[in-house]
C-alpha atoms as a PDB file:
ATOM      1  CA  MET A   1       0.000   0.000   0.000  1.00  0.00           C
ATOM      2  CA  PRO A   2       1.513   3.397  -0.943  1.00  0.00           C
ATOM      3  CA  ILE A   3       2.299   5.573   2.069  1.00  0.00           C
ATOM      4  CA  ALA A   4      -0.095   8.286   0.882  1.00  0.00           C
ATOM      5  CA  LEU A   5      -2.990   5.842   1.308  1.00  0.00           C
ATOM      6  CA  LEU A   6      -2.079   4.845   4.855  1.00  0.00           C
ATOM      7  CA  PRO A   7      -4.146   6.379   7.645  1.00  0.00           C
ATOM      8  CA  SER A   8      -2.381   9.384   9.195  1.00  0.00           C
ATOM      9  CA  ALA A   9      -1.866   7.489  12.466  1.00  0.00           C
ATOM     10  CA  TYR A  10       0.553   5.174  10.624  1.00  0.00           C
ATOM     11  CA  ARG A  11       2.601   7.876   8.877  1.00  0.00           C
ATOM     12  CA  GLY A  12       5.763   9.151  10.493  1.00  0.00           C
ATOM     13  CA  ARG A  13       6.367   6.243  12.813  1.00  0.00           C
ATOM     14  CA  ASN A  14       9.946   5.819  13.834  1.00  0.00           C
ATOM     15  CA  ALA A  15      12.146   2.949  12.751  1.00  0.00           C
ATOM     16  CA  ASP A  16      11.811   1.283  16.171  1.00  0.00           C
ATOM     17  CA  MET A  17       8.189   0.437  15.437  1.00  0.00           C
ATOM     18  CA  ALA A  18       9.239  -1.545  12.369  1.00  0.00           C
ATOM     19  CA  ALA A  19      11.317  -3.796  14.598  1.00  0.00           C
ATOM     20  CA  ALA A  20       8.583  -4.223  17.203  1.00  0.00           C
ATOM     21  CA  GLU A  21       7.801  -7.634  18.626  1.00  0.00           C
ATOM     22  CA  LYS A  22       4.339  -8.815  19.511  1.00  0.00           C
ATOM     23  CA  VAL A  23       3.966  -9.815  23.166  1.00  0.00           C
ATOM     24  CA  SER A  24       1.188 -10.594  25.586  1.00  0.00           C
ATOM     25  CA  VAL A  25       1.037  -8.609  28.829  1.00  0.00           C
ATOM     26  CA  SER A  26      -1.256  -8.605  31.835  1.00  0.00           C
ATOM     27  CA  LEU A  27      -2.485  -5.246  33.109  1.00  0.00           C
ATOM     28  CA  SER A  28      -4.845  -4.272  35.869  1.00  0.00           C
ATOM     29  CA  ALA A  29      -8.317  -3.311  34.687  1.00  0.00           C
ATOM     30  CA  GLU A  30      -7.687   0.257  35.863  1.00  0.00           C
ATOM     31  CA  ASP A  31      -4.398   0.569  33.913  1.00  0.00           C
ATOM     32  CA  LEU A  32      -5.923  -0.944  30.802  1.00  0.00           C
ATOM     33  CA  THR A  33      -8.894   1.435  30.957  1.00  0.00           C
ATOM     34  CA  TRP A  34      -6.530   4.405  31.344  1.00  0.00           C
ATOM     35  CA  ALA A  35      -4.345   3.265  28.428  1.00  0.00           C
ATOM     36  CA  ARG A  36      -7.322   2.698  26.144  1.00  0.00           C
ATOM     37  CA  GLN A  37      -8.784   6.102  27.000  1.00  0.00           C
ATOM     38  CA  ARG A  38      -5.475   7.799  26.333  1.00  0.00           C
ATOM     39  CA  ALA A  39      -5.062   5.954  23.033  1.00  0.00           C
ATOM     40  CA  LYS A  40      -8.529   7.049  21.949  1.00  0.00           C
ATOM     41  CA  ARG A  41      -7.996  10.643  23.104  1.00  0.00           C
ATOM     42  CA  GLU A  42      -4.642  10.936  21.305  1.00  0.00           C
ATOM     43  CA  ILE A  43      -5.718   8.892  18.278  1.00  0.00           C
ATOM     44  CA  LYS A  44      -2.955   6.346  18.863  1.00  0.00           C
ATOM     45  CA  SER A  45      -2.827   2.615  19.117  1.00  0.00           C
ATOM     46  CA  LEU A  46      -2.744   0.926  22.496  1.00  0.00           C
ATOM     47  CA  SER A  47       0.745  -0.311  21.597  1.00  0.00           C
ATOM     48  CA  ALA A  48       1.908   3.264  20.955  1.00  0.00           C
ATOM     49  CA  VAL A  49       0.615   4.407  24.355  1.00  0.00           C
ATOM     50  CA  LEU A  50       2.350   1.548  26.157  1.00  0.00           C
ATOM     51  CA  SER A  51       5.574   2.070  24.178  1.00  0.00           C
ATOM     52  CA  GLU A  52       5.570   5.757  25.096  1.00  0.00           C
ATOM     53  CA  ALA A  53       5.069   4.931  28.778  1.00  0.00           C
ATOM     54  CA  LEU A  54       7.984   2.473  28.689  1.00  0.00           C
ATOM     55  CA  ARG A  55      10.195   4.969  26.838  1.00  0.00           C
ATOM     56  CA  ARG A  56       9.456   7.649  29.446  1.00  0.00           C
ATOM     57  CA  GLN A  57      10.268   5.223  32.262  1.00  0.00           C
ATOM     58  CA  ARG A  58      13.571   4.332  30.606  1.00  0.00           C
ATOM     59  CA  GLN A  59      14.387   8.050  30.294  1.00  0.00           C
ATOM     60  CA  ALA A  60      13.567   8.618  33.974  1.00  0.00           C
ATOM     61  CA  GLU A  61      15.886   5.780  34.970  1.00  0.00           C
ATOM     62  CA  ALA A  62      18.644   7.184  32.749  1.00  0.00           C
ATOM     63  CA  ARG A  63      18.219  10.618  34.377  1.00  0.00           C
ATOM     64  CA  SER A  64      18.456   9.015  37.809  1.00  0.00           C
ATOM     65  CA  ARG A  65      21.683   7.242  36.824  1.00  0.00           C
ATOM     66  CA  LEU A  66      23.120  10.501  35.462  1.00  0.00           C
ATOM     67  CA  LEU A  67      22.241  12.384  38.642  1.00  0.00           C
ATOM     68  CA  ALA A  68      23.815   9.609  40.717  1.00  0.00           C
ATOM     69  CA  ASP A  69      26.975   9.855  38.590  1.00  0.00           C
ATOM     70  CA  LEU A  70      26.999  13.609  39.207  1.00  0.00           C
ATOM     71  CA  GLY A  71      26.701  13.010  42.944  1.00  0.00           C
ATOM     72  CA  THR A  72      23.154  14.205  43.545  1.00  0.00           C
ATOM     73  CA  ASP A  73      19.775  12.561  43.979  1.00  0.00           C
ATOM     74  CA  ASP A  74      17.556  15.137  42.340  1.00  0.00           C
ATOM     75  CA  ILE A  75      17.442  18.637  40.909  1.00  0.00           C
ATOM     76  CA  SER A  76      14.907  21.314  41.672  1.00  0.00           C
ATOM     77  CA  GLU A  77      11.883  21.939  39.474  1.00  0.00           C
ATOM     78  CA  SER A  78      13.213  25.410  38.615  1.00  0.00           C
ATOM     79  CA  ASP A  79      16.537  23.913  37.494  1.00  0.00           C
ATOM     80  CA  ARG A  80      14.662  21.346  35.371  1.00  0.00           C
ATOM     81  CA  ASN A  81      12.610  24.104  33.761  1.00  0.00           C
ATOM     82  CA  GLN A  82      15.741  26.134  33.055  1.00  0.00           C
ATOM     83  CA  VAL A  83      17.382  23.178  31.316  1.00  0.00           C
ATOM     84  CA  ARG A  84      14.217  22.493  29.288  1.00  0.00           C
ATOM     85  CA  SER A  85      14.115  26.139  28.249  1.00  0.00           C
ATOM     86  CA  GLU A  86      17.733  25.991  27.095  1.00  0.00           C
ATOM     87  CA  TRP A  87      17.015  22.834  25.099  1.00  0.00           C
ATOM     88  CA  ARG A  88      14.100  24.516  23.326  1.00  0.00           C
ATOM     89  CA  THR A  89      16.012  27.681  22.429  1.00  0.00           C
ATOM     90  CA  PRO A  90      19.644  26.855  21.763  1.00  0.00           C
ATOM     91  CA  SER A  91      21.798  29.987  21.638  1.00  0.00           C
ATOM     92  CA  ASN A  92      24.145  28.642  18.986  1.00  0.00           C
ATOM     93  CA  VAL A  93      21.499  28.045  16.328  1.00  0.00           C
ATOM     94  CA  ARG A  94      20.550  30.821  13.954  1.00  0.00           C
ATOM     95  CA  PRO A  95      17.104  30.889  12.369  1.00  0.00           C
ATOM     96  CA  PRO A  96      17.069  29.668   8.756  1.00  0.00           C
ATOM     97  CA  ARG A  97      17.672  32.298   6.104  1.00  0.00           C
ATOM     98  CA  ARG A  98      14.753  33.188   3.922  1.00  0.00           C
ATOM     99  CA  ARG A  99      15.177  32.357   0.278  1.00  0.00           C
ATOM    100  CA  THR A 100      14.639  35.111  -2.207  1.00  0.00           C
ATOM    101  CA  ALA A 101      13.240  34.523  -5.629  1.00  0.00           C
ATOM    102  CA  LYS A 102      15.836  34.398  -8.366  1.00  0.00           C
ATOM    103  CA  ARG A 103      15.570  37.409 -10.569  1.00  0.00           C
ATOM    104  CA  ALA A 104      15.346  36.939 -14.285  1.00  0.00           C
ATOM    105  CA  LYS A 105      18.355  38.211 -16.188  1.00  0.00           C
ATOM    106  CA  LYS A 106      17.694  41.113 -18.514  1.00  0.00           C
ATOM    107  CA  SER A 107      19.000  40.526 -22.023  1.00  0.00           C
END
């Protein structure tokens, strides 16, 4: 099926999804209800919601390991917000230059 004909929910998936494995998991009724509601609200598959939750947990664990390596247990919310702000607006990146139309040469 050509990509243009795929539903929008399937376009733009990352390469990790192509290598996904099918598994069976057991969830509490409450967790399953939450995940299904979130999937419906965000127009995602249940698998995408669960994958996102796992990815976020892995990131949290990686942050904890980094903080431990730096000799601290946690950073303040204001410090976290400052770092996030710096990530969103890097000082070393200039905005893209606008292209100008090429002018026709006069003969």
